[in-house]
Amino acid sequence: MQPRFNFGKASPDSYKAVAALDEHVQKCGLEARYIHLIKLRASQINGCAY
């Protein structure tokens, strides 16, 4: 099995920006179940597994 791509090493600044966005979304007041559904739908649109 091939190791997964390490985004943190490849682009630390981008990784920090995405982590900050996720932190903001978690604190925005939206219920966790809706955040999960949004992430699930975004992954479906992008054709990737969530």
Protein backbone atom coordinates (compact mmCIF):
# COMPACT_ATOMS: atom_id res chain seq x y z
CA MET A 1 0.00 0.00 0.00
CA GLN A 2 1.27 3.43 -0.92
CA PRO A 3 1.46 6.09 1.82
CA ARG A 4 -1.05 8.89 1.59
CA PHE A 5 -0.06 12.33 0.39
CA ASN A 6 1.03 14.61 3.25
CA PHE A 7 -0.55 18.00 2.60
CA GLY A 8 1.08 19.52 5.67
CA LYS A 9 4.54 18.86 4.31
CA ALA A 10 3.73 19.72 0.70
CA SER A 11 2.22 23.12 1.44
CA PRO A 12 2.27 24.12 5.11
CA ASP A 13 0.72 27.56 4.53
CA SER A 14 -2.21 26.11 2.58
CA TYR A 15 -2.70 23.44 5.21
CA LYS A 16 -2.81 26.08 7.96
CA ALA A 17 -5.34 28.14 5.97
CA VAL A 18 -7.65 25.15 5.48
CA ALA A 19 -7.30 24.21 9.16
CA ALA A 20 -8.20 27.79 10.14
CA LEU A 21 -11.24 27.69 7.85
CA ASP A 22 -12.39 24.41 9.40
CA GLU A 23 -11.93 25.84 12.89
CA HIS A 24 -14.02 28.86 11.94
CA VAL A 25 -16.77 26.67 10.48
CA GLN A 26 -16.86 24.56 13.66
CA LYS A 27 -17.38 27.72 15.74
CA CYS A 28 -19.87 29.46 13.41
CA GLY A 29 -22.94 28.22 15.27
CA LEU A 30 -24.14 25.75 12.67
CA GLU A 31 -25.13 22.38 14.08
CA ALA A 32 -22.51 19.64 13.65
CA ARG A 33 -24.92 17.46 11.66
CA TYR A 34 -25.37 20.21 9.06
CA ILE A 35 -21.63 20.76 8.78
CA HIS A 36 -21.24 17.03 8.18
CA LEU A 37 -23.92 17.08 5.47
CA ILE A 38 -22.30 20.06 3.75
CA LYS A 39 -18.89 18.34 3.74
CA LEU A 40 -20.48 15.14 2.45
CA ARG A 41 -22.23 16.96 -0.39
CA ALA A 42 -19.09 18.90 -1.31
CA SER A 43 -17.15 15.64 -1.54
CA GLN A 44 -19.87 14.17 -3.78
CA ILE A 45 -19.72 17.20 -6.06
CA ASN A 46 -15.93 16.91 -6.21
CA GLY A 47 -16.11 13.18 -6.91
CA CYS A 48 -14.07 12.17 -3.87
CA ALA A 49 -14.67 10.07 -0.78
CA TYR A 50 -15.40 11.83 2.49
